[in-house]
Amino acid sequence: MLIGELSRRTGVSARLLRYYEAQGLLDARRGANGYRDYDEESVVTVRQVRALLDAGLSTEVIRSVLPCTRGEQPGFDWCADLRAILEGEVAAMDERLDDLRRTRGTLAGYLAQP
C-alpha cells in the first residue's frame, strides 16, 4: 500500500510515517517509481509505535522494544533485556515526577508569600 493509504488506515500523517521510517521504526520497500510500498503488517507496526509513544517512550527506546511487541495494544514477548529497558524507563519517569513535585512545591511556596 502507498503512504497515503497507510496514513488513512492509521490516522497518522504521511510526514510522521516518513519520520518513523527515518527513525528505523517502520520499513517500506520502494517501487520502480520510487514510491514507498508498505505491507499489511505496517498498519499494526504504526499502531504499536503510537501506543508506545503514548506510554511515554522515546523513538530510540521504541526501536529497541518494537521487535518484542505483538498485537496492536501492544503486548510483549519478553525478549532479552526488555524488562530491564522498561524498568529503566519507569525509574526515569519516577525521577522526573520527583523533580516536578519539587519544582511545583517551590512555585507554590512563592505563591503562598504575601
PDB file of N, CA and C in Angstrom:
ATOM      1  N   MET A   1       0.851  -1.173   0.000  1.00  0.00           N
ATOM      2  CA  MET A   1       0.000   0.000   0.000  1.00  0.00           C
ATOM      3  C   MET A   1       0.894   1.233   0.000  1.00  0.00           C
ATOM      4  N   LEU A   2       0.414   2.292  -0.569  1.00  0.00           N
ATOM      5  CA  LEU A   2       1.167   3.541  -0.620  1.00  0.00           C
ATOM      6  C   LEU A   2       1.020   4.292   0.696  1.00  0.00           C
ATOM      7  N   ILE A   3       1.857   5.290   0.885  1.00  0.00           N
ATOM      8  CA  ILE A   3       1.898   6.023   2.152  1.00  0.00           C
ATOM      9  C   ILE A   3       0.562   6.690   2.474  1.00  0.00           C
ATOM     10  N   GLY A   4      -0.140   7.175   1.456  1.00  0.00           N
ATOM     11  CA  GLY A   4      -1.442   7.803   1.695  1.00  0.00           C
ATOM     12  C   GLY A   4      -2.458   6.832   2.266  1.00  0.00           C
ATOM     13  N   GLU A   5      -2.435   5.605   1.769  1.00  0.00           N
ATOM     14  CA  GLU A   5      -3.344   4.572   2.274  1.00  0.00           C
ATOM     15  C   GLU A   5      -2.980   4.202   3.707  1.00  0.00           C
ATOM     16  N   LEU A   6      -1.691   4.057   3.998  1.00  0.00           N
ATOM     17  CA  LEU A   6      -1.265   3.753   5.366  1.00  0.00           C
ATOM     18  C   LEU A   6      -1.668   4.891   6.301  1.00  0.00           C
ATOM     19  N   SER A   7      -1.517   6.101   5.842  1.00  0.00           N
ATOM     20  CA  SER A   7      -1.921   7.260   6.629  1.00  0.00           C
ATOM     21  C   SER A   7      -3.419   7.225   6.915  1.00  0.00           C
ATOM     22  N   ARG A   8      -4.210   6.940   5.909  1.00  0.00           N
ATOM     23  CA  ARG A   8      -5.657   6.895   6.072  1.00  0.00           C
ATOM     24  C   ARG A   8      -6.064   5.784   7.039  1.00  0.00           C
ATOM     25  N   ARG A   9      -5.440   4.627   6.939  1.00  0.00           N
ATOM     26  CA  ARG A   9      -5.811   3.479   7.764  1.00  0.00           C
ATOM     27  C   ARG A   9      -5.363   3.609   9.215  1.00  0.00           C
ATOM     28  N   THR A  10      -4.326   4.387   9.465  1.00  0.00           N
ATOM     29  CA  THR A  10      -3.797   4.514  10.837  1.00  0.00           C
ATOM     30  C   THR A  10      -4.115   5.856  11.481  1.00  0.00           C
ATOM     31  N   GLY A  11      -4.508   6.839  10.671  1.00  0.00           N
ATOM     32  CA  GLY A  11      -4.752   8.180  11.215  1.00  0.00           C
ATOM     33  C   GLY A  11      -3.476   8.945  11.514  1.00  0.00           C
ATOM     34  N   VAL A  12      -2.355   8.473  10.986  1.00  0.00           N
ATOM     35  CA  VAL A  12      -1.054   9.110  11.199  1.00  0.00           C
ATOM     36  C   VAL A  12      -0.648   9.790   9.896  1.00  0.00           C
ATOM     37  N   SER A  13      -0.201  11.026   9.977  1.00  0.00           N
ATOM     38  CA  SER A  13       0.137  11.774   8.775  1.00  0.00           C
ATOM     39  C   SER A  13       1.282  11.130   8.000  1.00  0.00           C
ATOM     40  N   ALA A  14       1.308  11.367   6.713  1.00  0.00           N
ATOM     41  CA  ALA A  14       2.387  10.847   5.867  1.00  0.00           C
ATOM     42  C   ALA A  14       3.735  11.380   6.346  1.00  0.00           C
ATOM     43  N   ARG A  15       3.757  12.612   6.776  1.00  0.00           N
ATOM     44  CA  ARG A  15       5.007  13.197   7.278  1.00  0.00           C
ATOM     45  C   ARG A  15       5.528  12.419   8.481  1.00  0.00           C
ATOM     46  N   LEU A  16       4.628  12.075   9.392  1.00  0.00           N
ATOM     47  CA  LEU A  16       5.018  11.317  10.576  1.00  0.00           C
ATOM     48  C   LEU A  16       5.437   9.894  10.200  1.00  0.00           C
ATOM     49  N   LEU A  17       4.776   9.302   9.225  1.00  0.00           N
ATOM     50  CA  LEU A  17       5.175   7.968   8.769  1.00  0.00           C
ATOM     51  C   LEU A  17       6.591   7.996   8.197  1.00  0.00           C
ATOM     52  N   ARG A  18       6.925   9.039   7.456  1.00  0.00           N
ATOM     53  CA  ARG A  18       8.289   9.173   6.928  1.00  0.00           C
ATOM     54  C   ARG A  18       9.283   9.341   8.078  1.00  0.00           C
ATOM     55  N   TYR A  19       8.886  10.058   9.128  1.00  0.00           N
ATOM     56  CA  TYR A  19       9.737  10.222  10.303  1.00  0.00           C
ATOM     57  C   TYR A  19       9.966   8.869  10.973  1.00  0.00           C
ATOM     58  N   TYR A  20       8.902   8.085  11.142  1.00  0.00           N
ATOM     59  CA  TYR A  20       9.056   6.752  11.735  1.00  0.00           C
ATOM     60  C   TYR A  20      10.029   5.913  10.910  1.00  0.00           C
ATOM     61  N   GLU A  21       9.932   6.016   9.615  1.00  0.00           N
ATOM     62  CA  GLU A  21      10.850   5.276   8.750  1.00  0.00           C
ATOM     63  C   GLU A  21      12.287   5.747   8.969  1.00  0.00           C
ATOM     64  N   ALA A  22      12.485   7.047   9.040  1.00  0.00           N
ATOM     65  CA  ALA A  22      13.826   7.604   9.253  1.00  0.00           C
ATOM     66  C   ALA A  22      14.397   7.183  10.609  1.00  0.00           C
ATOM     67  N   GLN A  23      13.517   6.966  11.592  1.00  0.00           N
ATOM     68  CA  GLN A  23      13.942   6.562  12.933  1.00  0.00           C
ATOM     69  C   GLN A  23      14.154   5.050  13.046  1.00  0.00           C
ATOM     70  N   GLY A  24      13.901   4.325  11.967  1.00  0.00           N
ATOM     71  CA  GLY A  24      14.092   2.879  11.976  1.00  0.00           C
ATOM     72  C   GLY A  24      12.947   2.115  12.618  1.00  0.00           C
ATOM     73  N   LEU A  25      11.774   2.745  12.707  1.00  0.00           N
ATOM     74  CA  LEU A  25      10.622   2.115  13.334  1.00  0.00           C
ATOM     75  C   LEU A  25       9.685   1.455  12.329  1.00  0.00           C
ATOM     76  N   LEU A  26       9.814   1.823  11.075  1.00  0.00           N
ATOM     77  CA  LEU A  26       8.899   1.373  10.038  1.00  0.00           C
ATOM     78  C   LEU A  26       9.690   1.111   8.769  1.00  0.00           C
ATOM     79  N   ASP A  27       9.381   0.001   8.118  1.00  0.00           N
ATOM     80  CA  ASP A  27      10.078  -0.356   6.882  1.00  0.00           C
ATOM     81  C   ASP A  27       9.151  -0.172   5.691  1.00  0.00           C
ATOM     82  N   ALA A  28       9.727   0.274   4.593  1.00  0.00           N
ATOM     83  CA  ALA A  28       8.988   0.381   3.338  1.00  0.00           C
ATOM     84  C   ALA A  28       9.900  -0.067   2.206  1.00  0.00           C
ATOM     85  N   ARG A  29       9.300  -0.777   1.289  1.00  0.00           N
ATOM     86  CA  ARG A  29      10.031  -1.097   0.061  1.00  0.00           C
ATOM     87  C   ARG A  29       9.811   0.066  -0.889  1.00  0.00           C
ATOM     88  N   ARG A  30      10.664   0.193  -1.852  1.00  0.00           N
ATOM     89  CA  ARG A  30      10.497   1.233  -2.867  1.00  0.00           C
ATOM     90  C   ARG A  30      10.104   0.578  -4.181  1.00  0.00           C
ATOM     91  N   GLY A  31       9.045   1.101  -4.802  1.00  0.00           N
ATOM     92  CA  GLY A  31       8.636   0.628  -6.106  1.00  0.00           C
ATOM     93  C   GLY A  31       9.570   1.165  -7.173  1.00  0.00           C
ATOM     94  N   ALA A  32       9.396   0.702  -8.388  1.00  0.00           N
ATOM     95  CA  ALA A  32      10.212   1.167  -9.507  1.00  0.00           C
ATOM     96  C   ALA A  32      10.064   2.672  -9.705  1.00  0.00           C
ATOM     97  N   ASN A  33       8.912   3.198  -9.315  1.00  0.00           N
ATOM     98  CA  ASN A  33       8.658   4.632  -9.438  1.00  0.00           C
ATOM     99  C   ASN A  33       9.224   5.430  -8.262  1.00  0.00           C
ATOM    100  N   GLY A  34       9.830   4.733  -7.291  1.00  0.00           N
ATOM    101  CA  GLY A  34      10.415   5.401  -6.126  1.00  0.00           C
ATOM    102  C   GLY A  34       9.441   5.592  -4.979  1.00  0.00           C
ATOM    103  N   TYR A  35       8.180   5.246  -5.171  1.00  0.00           N
ATOM    104  CA  TYR A  35       7.186   5.408  -4.119  1.00  0.00           C
ATOM    105  C   TYR A  35       7.389   4.356  -3.033  1.00  0.00           C
ATOM    106  N   ARG A  36       7.087   4.750  -1.796  1.00  0.00           N
ATOM    107  CA  ARG A  36       7.136   3.804  -0.690  1.00  0.00           C
ATOM    108  C   ARG A  36       5.989   2.809  -0.839  1.00  0.00           C
ATOM    109  N   ASP A  37       6.273   1.554  -0.533  1.00  0.00           N
ATOM    110  CA  ASP A  37       5.271   0.499  -0.590  1.00  0.00           C
ATOM    111  C   ASP A  37       5.292  -0.239   0.746  1.00  0.00           C
ATOM    112  N   TYR A  38       4.195  -0.162   1.475  1.00  0.00           N
ATOM    113  CA  TYR A  38       4.098  -0.773   2.799  1.00  0.00           C
ATOM    114  C   TYR A  38       3.269  -2.044   2.728  1.00  0.00           C
ATOM    115  N   ASP A  39       3.596  -3.016   3.585  1.00  0.00           N
ATOM    116  CA  ASP A  39       2.802  -4.235   3.640  1.00  0.00           C
ATOM    117  C   ASP A  39       1.719  -4.090   4.712  1.00  0.00           C
ATOM    118  N   GLU A  40       0.853  -5.075   4.811  1.00  0.00           N
ATOM    119  CA  GLU A  40      -0.255  -5.047   5.773  1.00  0.00           C
ATOM    120  C   GLU A  40       0.240  -4.945   7.213  1.00  0.00           C
ATOM    121  N   GLU A  41       1.366  -5.559   7.511  1.00  0.00           N
ATOM    122  CA  GLU A  41       1.914  -5.537   8.875  1.00  0.00           C
ATOM    123  C   GLU A  41       2.271  -4.116   9.316  1.00  0.00           C
ATOM    124  N   SER A  42       2.484  -3.232   8.352  1.00  0.00           N
ATOM    125  CA  SER A  42       2.831  -1.847   8.679  1.00  0.00           C
ATOM    126  C   SER A  42       1.725  -1.152   9.464  1.00  0.00           C
ATOM    127  N   VAL A  43       0.473  -1.523   9.208  1.00  0.00           N
ATOM    128  CA  VAL A  43      -0.645  -0.927   9.952  1.00  0.00           C
ATOM    129  C   VAL A  43      -0.492  -1.257  11.430  1.00  0.00           C
ATOM    130  N   VAL A  44      -0.206  -2.504  11.743  1.00  0.00           N
ATOM    131  CA  VAL A  44      -0.021  -2.929  13.137  1.00  0.00           C
ATOM    132  C   VAL A  44       1.207  -2.243  13.732  1.00  0.00           C
ATOM    133  N   THR A  45       2.284  -2.177  12.967  1.00  0.00           N
ATOM    134  CA  THR A  45       3.505  -1.543  13.461  1.00  0.00           C
ATOM    135  C   THR A  45       3.256  -0.086  13.829  1.00  0.00           C
ATOM    136  N   VAL A  46       2.565   0.651  12.972  1.00  0.00           N
ATOM    137  CA  VAL A  46       2.281   2.062  13.260  1.00  0.00           C
ATOM    138  C   VAL A  46       1.427   2.173  14.527  1.00  0.00           C
ATOM    139  N   ARG A  47       0.461   1.317  14.679  1.00  0.00           N
ATOM    140  CA  ARG A  47      -0.377   1.360  15.886  1.00  0.00           C
ATOM    141  C   ARG A  47       0.427   1.011  17.133  1.00  0.00           C
ATOM    142  N   GLN A  48       1.372   0.094  17.004  1.00  0.00           N
ATOM    143  CA  GLN A  48       2.255  -0.229  18.130  1.00  0.00           C
ATOM    144  C   GLN A  48       3.106   0.982  18.488  1.00  0.00           C
ATOM    145  N   VAL A  49       3.687   1.612  17.476  1.00  0.00           N
ATOM    146  CA  VAL A  49       4.519   2.797  17.717  1.00  0.00           C
ATOM    147  C   VAL A  49       3.705   3.873  18.414  1.00  0.00           C
ATOM    148  N   ARG A  50       2.494   4.124  17.957  1.00  0.00           N
ATOM    149  CA  ARG A  50       1.644   5.155  18.573  1.00  0.00           C
ATOM    150  C   ARG A  50       1.358   4.808  20.037  1.00  0.00           C
ATOM    151  N   ALA A  51       1.054   3.540  20.318  1.00  0.00           N
ATOM    152  CA  ALA A  51       0.767   3.124  21.701  1.00  0.00           C
ATOM    153  C   ALA A  51       1.993   3.300  22.586  1.00  0.00           C
ATOM    154  N   LEU A  52       3.156   2.958  22.060  1.00  0.00           N
ATOM    155  CA  LEU A  52       4.385   3.091  22.851  1.00  0.00           C
ATOM    156  C   LEU A  52       4.753   4.552  23.049  1.00  0.00           C
ATOM    157  N   LEU A  53       4.524   5.394  22.065  1.00  0.00           N
ATOM    158  CA  LEU A  53       4.737   6.835  22.232  1.00  0.00           C
ATOM    159  C   LEU A  53       3.782   7.382  23.290  1.00  0.00           C
ATOM    160  N   ASP A  54       2.519   6.935  23.241  1.00  0.00           N
ATOM    161  CA  ASP A  54       1.542   7.372  24.240  1.00  0.00           C
ATOM    162  C   ASP A  54       1.934   6.935  25.645  1.00  0.00           C
ATOM    163  N   ALA A  55       2.704   5.845  25.745  1.00  0.00           N
ATOM    164  CA  ALA A  55       3.178   5.368  27.048  1.00  0.00           C
ATOM    165  C   ALA A  55       4.386   6.169  27.535  1.00  0.00           C
ATOM    166  N   GLY A  56       4.843   7.113  26.705  1.00  0.00           N
ATOM    167  CA  GLY A  56       5.939   7.978  27.131  1.00  0.00           C
ATOM    168  C   GLY A  56       7.317   7.532  26.685  1.00  0.00           C
ATOM    169  N   LEU A  57       7.391   6.523  25.831  1.00  0.00           N
ATOM    170  CA  LEU A  57       8.699   6.058  25.371  1.00  0.00           C
ATOM    171  C   LEU A  57       9.192   6.916  24.214  1.00  0.00           C
ATOM    172  N   SER A  58      10.493   7.094  24.147  1.00  0.00           N
ATOM    173  CA  SER A  58      11.101   7.827  23.039  1.00  0.00           C
ATOM    174  C   SER A  58      11.224   6.904  21.829  1.00  0.00           C
ATOM    175  N   THR A  59      11.421   7.483  20.660  1.00  0.00           N
ATOM    176  CA  THR A  59      11.588   6.653  19.463  1.00  0.00           C
ATOM    177  C   THR A  59      12.836   5.785  19.578  1.00  0.00           C
ATOM    178  N   GLU A  60      13.846   6.263  20.267  1.00  0.00           N
ATOM    179  CA  GLU A  60      15.064   5.468  20.466  1.00  0.00           C
ATOM    180  C   GLU A  60      14.759   4.203  21.278  1.00  0.00           C
ATOM    181  N   VAL A  61      13.998   4.351  22.349  1.00  0.00           N
ATOM    182  CA  VAL A  61      13.628   3.199  23.166  1.00  0.00           C
ATOM    183  C   VAL A  61      12.677   2.295  22.381  1.00  0.00           C
ATOM    184  N   ILE A  62      11.743   2.887  21.668  1.00  0.00           N
ATOM    185  CA  ILE A  62      10.795   2.093  20.883  1.00  0.00           C
ATOM    186  C   ILE A  62      11.533   1.229  19.866  1.00  0.00           C
ATOM    187  N   ARG A  63      12.579   1.744  19.273  1.00  0.00           N
ATOM    188  CA  ARG A  63      13.370   0.962  18.315  1.00  0.00           C
ATOM    189  C   ARG A  63      13.894  -0.313  18.971  1.00  0.00           C
ATOM    190  N   SER A  64      14.249  -0.255  20.246  1.00  0.00           N
ATOM    191  CA  SER A  64      14.736  -1.433  20.977  1.00  0.00           C
ATOM    192  C   SER A  64      13.593  -2.363  21.383  1.00  0.00           C
ATOM    193  N   VAL A  65      12.446  -1.790  21.689  1.00  0.00           N
ATOM    194  CA  VAL A  65      11.312  -2.545  22.212  1.00  0.00           C
ATOM    195  C   VAL A  65      10.480  -3.177  21.094  1.00  0.00           C
ATOM    196  N   LEU A  66      10.375  -2.511  19.966  1.00  0.00           N
ATOM    197  CA  LEU A  66       9.477  -2.916  18.886  1.00  0.00           C
ATOM    198  C   LEU A  66       9.626  -4.373  18.439  1.00  0.00           C
ATOM    199  N   PRO A  67      10.840  -4.906  18.343  1.00  0.00           N
ATOM    200  CA  PRO A  67      10.940  -6.317  17.928  1.00  0.00           C
ATOM    201  C   PRO A  67      10.280  -7.297  18.901  1.00  0.00           C
ATOM    202  N   CYS A  68      10.007  -6.858  20.111  1.00  0.00           N
ATOM    203  CA  CYS A  68       9.424  -7.741  21.127  1.00  0.00           C
ATOM    204  C   CYS A  68       7.917  -7.522  21.296  1.00  0.00           C
ATOM    205  N   THR A  69       7.307  -6.706  20.449  1.00  0.00           N
ATOM    206  CA  THR A  69       5.885  -6.426  20.585  1.00  0.00           C
ATOM    207  C   THR A  69       5.059  -7.377  19.738  1.00  0.00           C
ATOM    208  N   ARG A  70       3.811  -7.535  20.168  1.00  0.00           N
ATOM    209  CA  ARG A  70       2.851  -8.311  19.379  1.00  0.00           C
ATOM    210  C   ARG A  70       1.481  -7.681  19.590  1.00  0.00           C
ATOM    211  N   GLY A  71       0.703  -7.640  18.556  1.00  0.00           N
ATOM    212  CA  GLY A  71      -0.637  -7.063  18.635  1.00  0.00           C
ATOM    213  C   GLY A  71      -0.595  -5.557  18.692  1.00  0.00           C
ATOM    214  N   GLU A  72      -1.763  -4.961  18.561  1.00  0.00           N
ATOM    215  CA  GLU A  72      -1.851  -3.503  18.485  1.00  0.00           C
ATOM    216  C   GLU A  72      -1.807  -2.813  19.836  1.00  0.00           C
ATOM    217  N   GLN A  73      -2.016  -3.513  20.940  1.00  0.00           N
ATOM    218  CA  GLN A  73      -2.114  -2.870  22.246  1.00  0.00           C
ATOM    219  C   GLN A  73      -0.829  -2.185  22.690  1.00  0.00           C
ATOM    220  N   PRO A  74       0.345  -2.561  22.591  1.00  0.00           N
ATOM    221  CA  PRO A  74       0.808  -3.893  22.216  1.00  0.00           C
ATOM    222  C   PRO A  74       1.030  -4.763  23.436  1.00  0.00           C
ATOM    223  N   GLY A  75       1.157  -6.054  23.188  1.00  0.00           N
ATOM    224  CA  GLY A  75       1.610  -6.993  24.202  1.00  0.00           C
ATOM    225  C   GLY A  75       3.090  -7.241  23.960  1.00  0.00           C
ATOM    226  N   PHE A  76       3.727  -7.976  24.837  1.00  0.00           N
ATOM    227  CA  PHE A  76       5.166  -8.191  24.698  1.00  0.00           C
ATOM    228  C   PHE A  76       5.535  -9.656  24.751  1.00  0.00           C
ATOM    229  N   ASP A  77       6.508 -10.020  23.946  1.00  0.00           N
ATOM    230  CA  ASP A  77       7.247 -11.256  24.109  1.00  0.00           C
ATOM    231  C   ASP A  77       8.478 -10.807  24.889  1.00  0.00           C
ATOM    232  N   TRP A  78       8.717 -11.394  26.036  1.00  0.00           N
ATOM    233  CA  TRP A  78       9.766 -10.877  26.913  1.00  0.00           C
ATOM    234  C   TRP A  78      11.147 -11.263  26.401  1.00  0.00           C
ATOM    235  N   CYS A  79      11.580 -10.512  25.397  1.00  0.00           N
ATOM    236  CA  CYS A  79      12.913 -10.689  24.813  1.00  0.00           C
ATOM    237  C   CYS A  79      13.982 -10.331  25.846  1.00  0.00           C
ATOM    238  N   ALA A  80      15.198 -10.730  25.544  1.00  0.00           N
ATOM    239  CA  ALA A  80      16.329 -10.400  26.426  1.00  0.00           C
ATOM    240  C   ALA A  80      16.390  -8.891  26.626  1.00  0.00           C
ATOM    241  N   ASP A  81      16.570  -8.472  27.849  1.00  0.00           N
ATOM    242  CA  ASP A  81      16.752  -7.073  28.238  1.00  0.00           C
ATOM    243  C   ASP A  81      15.492  -6.215  28.162  1.00  0.00           C
ATOM    244  N   LEU A  82      14.377  -6.740  27.652  1.00  0.00           N
ATOM    245  CA  LEU A  82      13.178  -5.911  27.532  1.00  0.00           C
ATOM    246  C   LEU A  82      12.687  -5.424  28.883  1.00  0.00           C
ATOM    247  N   ARG A  83      12.611  -6.323  29.857  1.00  0.00           N
ATOM    248  CA  ARG A  83      12.145  -5.924  31.190  1.00  0.00           C
ATOM    249  C   ARG A  83      13.070  -4.847  31.773  1.00  0.00           C
ATOM    250  N   ALA A  84      14.373  -4.998  31.608  1.00  0.00           N
ATOM    251  CA  ALA A  84      15.330  -4.013  32.131  1.00  0.00           C
ATOM    252  C   ALA A  84      15.138  -2.666  31.445  1.00  0.00           C
ATOM    253  N   ILE A  85      14.885  -2.675  30.156  1.00  0.00           N
ATOM    254  CA  ILE A  85      14.661  -1.419  29.418  1.00  0.00           C
ATOM    255  C   ILE A  85      13.421  -0.711  29.961  1.00  0.00           C
ATOM    256  N   LEU A  86      12.330  -1.446  30.091  1.00  0.00           N
ATOM    257  CA  LEU A  86      11.080  -0.835  30.570  1.00  0.00           C
ATOM    258  C   LEU A  86      11.186  -0.412  32.027  1.00  0.00           C
ATOM    259  N   GLU A  87      11.857  -1.200  32.858  1.00  0.00           N
ATOM    260  CA  GLU A  87      12.061  -0.795  34.256  1.00  0.00           C
ATOM    261  C   GLU A  87      12.898   0.475  34.335  1.00  0.00           C
ATOM    262  N   GLY A  88      13.897   0.588  33.453  1.00  0.00           N
ATOM    263  CA  GLY A  88      14.705   1.804  33.398  1.00  0.00           C
ATOM    264  C   GLY A  88      13.882   3.020  33.015  1.00  0.00           C
ATOM    265  N   GLU A  89      12.955   2.831  32.086  1.00  0.00           N
ATOM    266  CA  GLU A  89      12.071   3.927  31.681  1.00  0.00           C
ATOM    267  C   GLU A  89      11.146   4.346  32.821  1.00  0.00           C
ATOM    268  N   VAL A  90      10.616   3.380  33.559  1.00  0.00           N
ATOM    269  CA  VAL A  90       9.755   3.693  34.703  1.00  0.00           C
ATOM    270  C   VAL A  90      10.555   4.451  35.763  1.00  0.00           C
ATOM    271  N   ALA A  91      11.775   4.019  36.020  1.00  0.00           N
ATOM    272  CA  ALA A  91      12.622   4.704  37.005  1.00  0.00           C
ATOM    273  C   ALA A  91      12.914   6.140  36.562  1.00  0.00           C
ATOM    274  N   ALA A  92      13.183   6.341  35.275  1.00  0.00           N
ATOM    275  CA  ALA A  92      13.444   7.690  34.765  1.00  0.00           C
ATOM    276  C   ALA A  92      12.195   8.567  34.897  1.00  0.00           C
ATOM    277  N   MET A  93      11.026   7.989  34.637  1.00  0.00           N
ATOM    278  CA  MET A  93       9.776   8.746  34.795  1.00  0.00           C
ATOM    279  C   MET A  93       9.545   9.111  36.251  1.00  0.00           C
ATOM    280  N   ASP A  94       9.822   8.171  37.156  1.00  0.00           N
ATOM    281  CA  ASP A  94       9.683   8.459  38.587  1.00  0.00           C
ATOM    282  C   ASP A  94      10.586   9.615  38.997  1.00  0.00           C
ATOM    283  N   GLU A  95      11.786   9.624  38.476  1.00  0.00           N
ATOM    284  CA  GLU A  95      12.724  10.703  38.787  1.00  0.00           C
ATOM    285  C   GLU A  95      12.205  12.044  38.268  1.00  0.00           C
ATOM    286  N   ARG A  96      11.672  12.040  37.055  1.00  0.00           N
ATOM    287  CA  ARG A  96      11.108  13.288  36.501  1.00  0.00           C
ATOM    288  C   ARG A  96       9.919  13.757  37.337  1.00  0.00           C
ATOM    289  N   LEU A  97       9.088  12.809  37.789  1.00  0.00           N
ATOM    290  CA  LEU A  97       7.951  13.174  38.636  1.00  0.00           C
ATOM    291  C   LEU A  97       8.428  13.795  39.942  1.00  0.00           C
ATOM    292  N   ASP A  98       9.447  13.221  40.552  1.00  0.00           N
ATOM    293  CA  ASP A  98      10.006  13.786  41.785  1.00  0.00           C
ATOM    294  C   ASP A  98      10.512  15.204  41.544  1.00  0.00           C
ATOM    295  N   ASP A  99      11.208  15.410  40.421  1.00  0.00           N
ATOM    296  CA  ASP A  99      11.698  16.742  40.081  1.00  0.00           C
ATOM    297  C   ASP A  99      10.534  17.723  39.906  1.00  0.00           C
ATOM    298  N   LEU A 100       9.480  17.293  39.251  1.00  0.00           N
ATOM    299  CA  LEU A 100       8.308  18.155  39.059  1.00  0.00           C
ATOM    300  C   LEU A 100       7.638  18.489  40.386  1.00  0.00           C
ATOM    301  N   ARG A 101       7.560  17.511  41.277  1.00  0.00           N
ATOM    302  CA  ARG A 101       6.965  17.775  42.597  1.00  0.00           C
ATOM    303  C   ARG A 101       7.782  18.818  43.361  1.00  0.00           C
ATOM    304  N   ARG A 102       9.117  18.682  43.312  1.00  0.00           N
ATOM    305  CA  ARG A 102       9.979  19.654  43.988  1.00  0.00           C
ATOM    306  C   ARG A 102       9.788  21.049  43.382  1.00  0.00           C
ATOM    307  N   THR A 103       9.793  21.117  42.068  1.00  0.00           N
ATOM    308  CA  THR A 103       9.628  22.398  41.387  1.00  0.00           C
ATOM    309  C   THR A 103       8.269  23.002  41.689  1.00  0.00           C
ATOM    310  N   ARG A 104       7.244  22.167  41.679  1.00  0.00           N
ATOM    311  CA  ARG A 104       5.903  22.651  41.988  1.00  0.00           C
ATOM    312  C   ARG A 104       5.841  23.183  43.422  1.00  0.00           C
ATOM    313  N   GLY A 105       6.471  22.474  44.340  1.00  0.00           N
ATOM    314  CA  GLY A 105       6.496  22.923  45.732  1.00  0.00           C
ATOM    315  C   GLY A 105       7.162  24.283  45.872  1.00  0.00           C
ATOM    316  N   THR A 106       8.242  24.493  45.134  1.00  0.00           N
ATOM    317  CA  THR A 106       8.933  25.784  45.164  1.00  0.00           C
ATOM    318  C   THR A 106       8.027  26.891  44.649  1.00  0.00           C
ATOM    319  N   LEU A 107       7.383  26.639  43.513  1.00  0.00           N
ATOM    320  CA  LEU A 107       6.494  27.659  42.935  1.00  0.00           C
ATOM    321  C   LEU A 107       5.296  27.923  43.854  1.00  0.00           C
ATOM    322  N   ALA A 108       4.720  26.873  44.414  1.00  0.00           N
ATOM    323  CA  ALA A 108       3.592  27.054  45.331  1.00  0.00           C
ATOM    324  C   ALA A 108       4.016  27.849  46.544  1.00  0.00           C
ATOM    325  N   GLY A 109       5.264  27.644  47.006  1.00  0.00           N
ATOM    326  CA  GLY A 109       5.775  28.436  48.114  1.00  0.00           C
ATOM    327  C   GLY A 109       5.872  29.917  47.783  1.00  0.00           C
ATOM    328  N   TYR A 110       6.286  30.213  46.553  1.00  0.00           N
ATOM    329  CA  TYR A 110       6.334  31.612  46.123  1.00  0.00           C
ATOM    330  C   TYR A 110       4.944  32.227  46.123  1.00  0.00           C
ATOM    331  N   LEU A 111       3.970  31.466  45.658  1.00  0.00           N
ATOM    332  CA  LEU A 111       2.592  31.979  45.592  1.00  0.00           C
ATOM    333  C   LEU A 111       1.985  32.160  46.984  1.00  0.00           C
ATOM    334  N   ALA A 112       2.451  31.407  47.954  1.00  0.00           N
ATOM    335  CA  ALA A 112       1.903  31.491  49.304  1.00  0.00           C
ATOM    336  C   ALA A 112       2.415  32.715  50.051  1.00  0.00           C
ATOM    337  N   GLN A 113       3.466  33.342  49.528  1.00  0.00           N
ATOM    338  CA  GLN A 113       4.007  34.539  50.190  1.00  0.00           C
ATOM    339  C   GLN A 113       3.108  35.726  49.916  1.00  0.00           C
ATOM    340  N   PRO A 114       2.975  36.595  50.960  1.00  0.00           N
ATOM    341  CA  PRO A 114       2.123  37.792  50.791  1.00  0.00           C
ATOM    342  C   PRO A 114       2.724  38.800  49.831  1.00  0.00           C
TER     343      PRO A 114
END
